[in-house]
Amino acid sequence: MTEVVPQEKDTGKWGRALIGLGVASAINHFGDRLLGVTIEVFTNALDYFSFRWMLDVFLVPLIANFFLALIFGKGSKWLCYATPLIVRGISYFNVAEITGVPEYGHLIPMGWWGFFIILAMETGMVGAVIGESVIKRYYGRKTLEMIYQERLAREERQRQRRQRAQKPGE
């Protein structure tokens, strides 16, 4: 008869999730401010779709969610969709309701804003997958010491088999 062993509960998962979301959102927010890009305000096509804009949409979420994966661990590729939505949602609300749209620009429509959010979410997921791949060496795989011990045990068994095979035919 086999015993069913209950799986251990990870009690710190919610805390790690909140800390990871906070850190990733902070990285995303300060990356936006450092680049000086406001995705929610459209100026003209040449100024709007600049190199800094591309870094802000593609690189900043990737880096932010990479750190989310390092903090949260396995399963962060599902949690990573929230960080661009949190940061961009607060930024859109800030421009639309609090600070107002600058006179040189226009608030982008929600449809375009949603499209840019999806771009940021997808590149953020790439960062989370890379982060999970980086930490995979810490869980789910054998350590070098275990591999070395298994190799020594296998070599010892092979040596013993060779010795047994040589004894009868001496």
C-alpha atoms as a PDB file:
ATOM      1  CA  MET A   1       0.000   0.000   0.000  1.00  0.00           C
ATOM      2  CA  THR A   2       1.367   3.394  -0.936  1.00  0.00           C
ATOM      3  CA  GLU A   3       1.150   6.406   1.268  1.00  0.00           C
ATOM      4  CA  VAL A   4      -0.105   9.718  -0.001  1.00  0.00           C
ATOM      5  CA  VAL A   5       2.157  12.422   1.334  1.00  0.00           C
ATOM      6  CA  PRO A   6       0.605  15.897   1.384  1.00  0.00           C
ATOM      7  CA  GLN A   7       2.532  18.539  -0.481  1.00  0.00           C
ATOM      8  CA  GLU A   8       4.164  21.169   1.676  1.00  0.00           C
ATOM      9  CA  LYS A   9       2.551  24.585   1.555  1.00  0.00           C
ATOM     10  CA  ASP A  10       4.709  27.500   0.595  1.00  0.00           C
ATOM     11  CA  THR A  11       3.701  30.025   3.236  1.00  0.00           C
ATOM     12  CA  GLY A  12       5.923  32.815   1.942  1.00  0.00           C
ATOM     13  CA  LYS A  13       4.602  32.808  -1.608  1.00  0.00           C
ATOM     14  CA  TRP A  14       2.126  35.688  -1.169  1.00  0.00           C
ATOM     15  CA  GLY A  15       4.753  37.829   0.507  1.00  0.00           C
ATOM     16  CA  ARG A  16       7.286  37.112  -2.234  1.00  0.00           C
ATOM     17  CA  ALA A  17       4.595  37.894  -4.820  1.00  0.00           C
ATOM     18  CA  LEU A  18       3.835  41.288  -3.282  1.00  0.00           C
ATOM     19  CA  ILE A  19       7.499  42.155  -2.841  1.00  0.00           C
ATOM     20  CA  GLY A  20       8.295  41.028  -6.393  1.00  0.00           C
ATOM     21  CA  LEU A  21       5.388  43.021  -7.830  1.00  0.00           C
ATOM     22  CA  GLY A  22       6.473  46.068  -5.854  1.00  0.00           C
ATOM     23  CA  VAL A  23      10.091  45.837  -6.960  1.00  0.00           C
ATOM     24  CA  ALA A  24       9.186  45.163 -10.604  1.00  0.00           C
ATOM     25  CA  SER A  25       6.664  48.005 -10.622  1.00  0.00           C
ATOM     26  CA  ALA A  26       9.241  50.348  -9.091  1.00  0.00           C
ATOM     27  CA  ILE A  27      11.845  49.350 -11.692  1.00  0.00           C
ATOM     28  CA  ASN A  28       9.278  49.856 -14.439  1.00  0.00           C
ATOM     29  CA  HIS A  29       8.165  53.237 -13.066  1.00  0.00           C
ATOM     30  CA  PHE A  30      11.661  54.605 -12.515  1.00  0.00           C
ATOM     31  CA  GLY A  31      12.744  53.249 -15.907  1.00  0.00           C
ATOM     32  CA  ASP A  32       9.934  55.315 -17.437  1.00  0.00           C
ATOM     33  CA  ARG A  33      11.034  58.403 -15.536  1.00  0.00           C
ATOM     34  CA  LEU A  34      14.712  57.852 -16.323  1.00  0.00           C
ATOM     35  CA  LEU A  35      13.990  57.597 -20.044  1.00  0.00           C
ATOM     36  CA  GLY A  36      11.594  60.540 -19.869  1.00  0.00           C
ATOM     37  CA  VAL A  37       8.954  58.822 -21.979  1.00  0.00           C
ATOM     38  CA  THR A  38       5.229  59.139 -21.367  1.00  0.00           C
ATOM     39  CA  ILE A  39       3.599  56.506 -23.537  1.00  0.00           C
ATOM     40  CA  GLU A  40       0.139  57.860 -22.778  1.00  0.00           C
ATOM     41  CA  VAL A  41       0.806  61.249 -24.427  1.00  0.00           C
ATOM     42  CA  PHE A  42       1.025  61.234 -28.235  1.00  0.00           C
ATOM     43  CA  THR A  43       2.935  64.106 -29.812  1.00  0.00           C
ATOM     44  CA  ASN A  44       3.775  63.314 -33.426  1.00  0.00           C
ATOM     45  CA  ALA A  45       4.892  60.086 -35.044  1.00  0.00           C
ATOM     46  CA  LEU A  46       8.573  60.985 -35.352  1.00  0.00           C
ATOM     47  CA  ASP A  47       8.928  62.179 -31.771  1.00  0.00           C
ATOM     48  CA  TYR A  48       6.628  59.566 -30.276  1.00  0.00           C
ATOM     49  CA  PHE A  49       8.108  56.359 -31.712  1.00  0.00           C
ATOM     50  CA  SER A  50      11.705  57.124 -30.791  1.00  0.00           C
ATOM     51  CA  PHE A  51      14.510  54.872 -29.599  1.00  0.00           C
ATOM     52  CA  ARG A  52      13.756  55.838 -25.994  1.00  0.00           C
ATOM     53  CA  TRP A  53      10.104  54.861 -26.544  1.00  0.00           C
ATOM     54  CA  MET A  54      11.214  51.438 -27.817  1.00  0.00           C
ATOM     55  CA  LEU A  55      13.481  50.977 -24.810  1.00  0.00           C
ATOM     56  CA  ASP A  56      10.603  51.968 -22.543  1.00  0.00           C
ATOM     57  CA  VAL A  57       8.138  49.538 -24.110  1.00  0.00           C
ATOM     58  CA  PHE A  58      10.456  46.611 -24.752  1.00  0.00           C
ATOM     59  CA  LEU A  59      13.518  46.697 -22.494  1.00  0.00           C
ATOM     60  CA  VAL A  60      12.239  48.207 -19.237  1.00  0.00           C
ATOM     61  CA  PRO A  61       9.454  45.589 -18.694  1.00  0.00           C
ATOM     62  CA  LEU A  62      11.899  42.821 -19.594  1.00  0.00           C
ATOM     63  CA  ILE A  63      14.370  43.950 -16.934  1.00  0.00           C
ATOM     64  CA  ALA A  64      11.647  44.611 -14.356  1.00  0.00           C
ATOM     65  CA  ASN A  65      10.062  41.183 -14.754  1.00  0.00           C
ATOM     66  CA  PHE A  66      13.458  39.499 -14.771  1.00  0.00           C
ATOM     67  CA  PHE A  67      13.894  40.789 -11.224  1.00  0.00           C
ATOM     68  CA  LEU A  68      10.318  39.756 -10.418  1.00  0.00           C
ATOM     69  CA  ALA A  69      11.247  36.204 -11.418  1.00  0.00           C
ATOM     70  CA  LEU A  70      14.382  36.291  -9.284  1.00  0.00           C
ATOM     71  CA  ILE A  71      12.328  37.352  -6.258  1.00  0.00           C
ATOM     72  CA  PHE A  72       9.177  35.278  -6.747  1.00  0.00           C
ATOM     73  CA  GLY A  73      10.620  32.188  -8.365  1.00  0.00           C
ATOM     74  CA  LYS A  74       8.676  29.500 -10.142  1.00  0.00           C
ATOM     75  CA  GLY A  75       5.369  30.770 -11.491  1.00  0.00           C
ATOM     76  CA  SER A  76       6.455  34.342 -12.082  1.00  0.00           C
ATOM     77  CA  LYS A  77       5.650  34.061 -15.770  1.00  0.00           C
ATOM     78  CA  TRP A  78       1.983  34.251 -14.724  1.00  0.00           C
ATOM     79  CA  LEU A  79       2.514  37.103 -12.309  1.00  0.00           C
ATOM     80  CA  CYS A  80       4.534  39.216 -14.733  1.00  0.00           C
ATOM     81  CA  TYR A  81       1.471  40.410 -16.653  1.00  0.00           C
ATOM     82  CA  ALA A  82       0.445  42.591 -13.730  1.00  0.00           C
ATOM     83  CA  THR A  83       3.461  44.908 -13.537  1.00  0.00           C
ATOM     84  CA  PRO A  84       3.019  46.764 -16.860  1.00  0.00           C
ATOM     85  CA  LEU A  85      -0.712  46.958 -16.217  1.00  0.00           C
ATOM     86  CA  ILE A  86      -0.182  48.473 -12.758  1.00  0.00           C
ATOM     87  CA  VAL A  87       2.442  51.011 -13.844  1.00  0.00           C
ATOM     88  CA  ARG A  88       0.822  51.996 -17.125  1.00  0.00           C
ATOM     89  CA  GLY A  89      -2.637  52.117 -15.556  1.00  0.00           C
ATOM     90  CA  ILE A  90      -1.488  54.520 -12.853  1.00  0.00           C
ATOM     91  CA  SER A  91       0.375  56.583 -15.446  1.00  0.00           C
ATOM     92  CA  TYR A  92      -2.675  56.777 -17.745  1.00  0.00           C
ATOM     93  CA  PHE A  93      -4.906  57.802 -14.852  1.00  0.00           C
ATOM     94  CA  ASN A  94      -2.317  60.371 -13.771  1.00  0.00           C
ATOM     95  CA  VAL A  95      -2.199  61.971 -17.224  1.00  0.00           C
ATOM     96  CA  ALA A  96      -5.953  61.766 -17.812  1.00  0.00           C
ATOM     97  CA  GLU A  97      -7.202  62.973 -14.431  1.00  0.00           C
ATOM     98  CA  ILE A  98      -4.489  64.546 -12.281  1.00  0.00           C
ATOM     99  CA  THR A  99      -1.728  66.319 -14.204  1.00  0.00           C
ATOM    100  CA  GLY A 100      -3.583  66.712 -17.465  1.00  0.00           C
ATOM    101  CA  VAL A 101      -2.395  66.340 -21.020  1.00  0.00           C
ATOM    102  CA  PRO A 102       0.411  68.725 -22.020  1.00  0.00           C
ATOM    103  CA  GLU A 103      -0.514  71.317 -24.648  1.00  0.00           C
ATOM    104  CA  TYR A 104       1.866  69.804 -27.194  1.00  0.00           C
ATOM    105  CA  GLY A 105       0.268  66.340 -27.082  1.00  0.00           C
ATOM    106  CA  HIS A 106      -2.879  64.274 -27.033  1.00  0.00           C
ATOM    107  CA  LEU A 107      -3.973  61.481 -24.721  1.00  0.00           C
ATOM    108  CA  ILE A 108      -3.850  58.291 -26.759  1.00  0.00           C
ATOM    109  CA  PRO A 109      -7.110  56.351 -27.139  1.00  0.00           C
ATOM    110  CA  MET A 110      -7.693  53.378 -24.856  1.00  0.00           C
ATOM    111  CA  GLY A 111      -7.418  50.982 -27.806  1.00  0.00           C
ATOM    112  CA  TRP A 112      -3.882  52.089 -28.615  1.00  0.00           C
ATOM    113  CA  TRP A 113      -3.021  52.211 -24.940  1.00  0.00           C
ATOM    114  CA  GLY A 114      -4.202  48.602 -24.613  1.00  0.00           C
ATOM    115  CA  PHE A 115      -2.072  47.592 -27.580  1.00  0.00           C
ATOM    116  CA  PHE A 116       1.014  49.174 -26.014  1.00  0.00           C
ATOM    117  CA  ILE A 117       0.200  47.462 -22.705  1.00  0.00           C
ATOM    118  CA  ILE A 118       0.055  44.109 -24.483  1.00  0.00           C
ATOM    119  CA  LEU A 119       3.469  44.795 -26.064  1.00  0.00           C
ATOM    120  CA  ALA A 120       4.910  45.625 -22.644  1.00  0.00           C
ATOM    121  CA  MET A 121       3.290  42.534 -21.091  1.00  0.00           C
ATOM    122  CA  GLU A 122       4.698  40.214 -23.730  1.00  0.00           C
ATOM    123  CA  THR A 123       8.234  41.543 -23.431  1.00  0.00           C
ATOM    124  CA  GLY A 124       7.843  41.406 -19.660  1.00  0.00           C
ATOM    125  CA  MET A 125       6.942  37.748 -19.954  1.00  0.00           C
ATOM    126  CA  VAL A 126      10.167  37.132 -21.862  1.00  0.00           C
ATOM    127  CA  GLY A 127      12.028  38.677 -18.919  1.00  0.00           C
ATOM    128  CA  ALA A 128      10.159  36.450 -16.471  1.00  0.00           C
ATOM    129  CA  VAL A 129      10.923  33.323 -18.496  1.00  0.00           C
ATOM    130  CA  ILE A 130      14.604  34.294 -18.654  1.00  0.00           C
ATOM    131  CA  GLY A 131      14.563  34.917 -14.894  1.00  0.00           C
ATOM    132  CA  GLU A 132      12.964  31.533 -14.231  1.00  0.00           C
ATOM    133  CA  SER A 133      15.560  29.882 -16.452  1.00  0.00           C
ATOM    134  CA  VAL A 134      18.344  31.582 -14.520  1.00  0.00           C
ATOM    135  CA  ILE A 135      17.046  30.389 -11.149  1.00  0.00           C
ATOM    136  CA  LYS A 136      16.336  26.882 -12.416  1.00  0.00           C
ATOM    137  CA  ARG A 137      19.855  25.925 -11.487  1.00  0.00           C
ATOM    138  CA  TYR A 138      18.835  26.529  -7.860  1.00  0.00           C
ATOM    139  CA  TYR A 139      15.750  24.306  -7.912  1.00  0.00           C
ATOM    140  CA  GLY A 140      14.655  21.297  -9.888  1.00  0.00           C
ATOM    141  CA  ARG A 141      18.092  20.261 -11.044  1.00  0.00           C
ATOM    142  CA  LYS A 142      20.901  18.306  -9.507  1.00  0.00           C
ATOM    143  CA  THR A 143      23.837  20.048  -7.936  1.00  0.00           C
ATOM    144  CA  LEU A 144      27.333  19.374  -9.199  1.00  0.00           C
ATOM    145  CA  GLU A 145      28.114  17.458  -6.013  1.00  0.00           C
ATOM    146  CA  MET A 146      25.181  15.093  -6.596  1.00  0.00           C
ATOM    147  CA  ILE A 147      26.234  14.551 -10.214  1.00  0.00           C
ATOM    148  CA  TYR A 148      29.798  13.831  -9.092  1.00  0.00           C
ATOM    149  CA  GLN A 149      28.627  11.369  -6.409  1.00  0.00           C
ATOM    150  CA  GLU A 150      26.389   9.550  -8.901  1.00  0.00           C
ATOM    151  CA  ARG A 151      29.241   9.319 -11.395  1.00  0.00           C
ATOM    152  CA  LEU A 152      31.570   7.895  -8.730  1.00  0.00           C
ATOM    153  CA  ALA A 153      28.932   5.348  -7.695  1.00  0.00           C
ATOM    154  CA  ARG A 154      28.352   4.329 -11.340  1.00  0.00           C
ATOM    155  CA  GLU A 155      32.092   3.930 -11.945  1.00  0.00           C
ATOM    156  CA  GLU A 156      32.409   1.850  -8.761  1.00  0.00           C
ATOM    157  CA  ARG A 157      29.577  -0.463  -9.890  1.00  0.00           C
ATOM    158  CA  GLN A 158      31.212  -0.881 -13.302  1.00  0.00           C
ATOM    159  CA  ARG A 159      34.560  -1.700 -11.674  1.00  0.00           C
ATOM    160  CA  GLN A 160      32.914  -4.298  -9.423  1.00  0.00           C
ATOM    161  CA  ARG A 161      31.158  -5.889 -12.428  1.00  0.00           C
ATOM    162  CA  ARG A 162      34.455  -6.122 -14.296  1.00  0.00           C
ATOM    163  CA  GLN A 163      36.109  -7.758 -11.286  1.00  0.00           C
ATOM    164  CA  ARG A 164      33.258 -10.297 -10.958  1.00  0.00           C
ATOM    165  CA  ALA A 165      33.431 -11.043 -14.670  1.00  0.00           C
ATOM    166  CA  GLN A 166      37.188 -11.688 -14.497  1.00  0.00           C
ATOM    167  CA  LYS A 167      37.120 -14.038 -11.416  1.00  0.00           C
ATOM    168  CA  PRO A 168      35.299 -17.063 -12.885  1.00  0.00           C
ATOM    169  CA  GLY A 169      37.420 -17.254 -16.030  1.00  0.00           C
ATOM    170  CA  GLU A 170      40.862 -16.855 -14.416  1.00  0.00           C
END
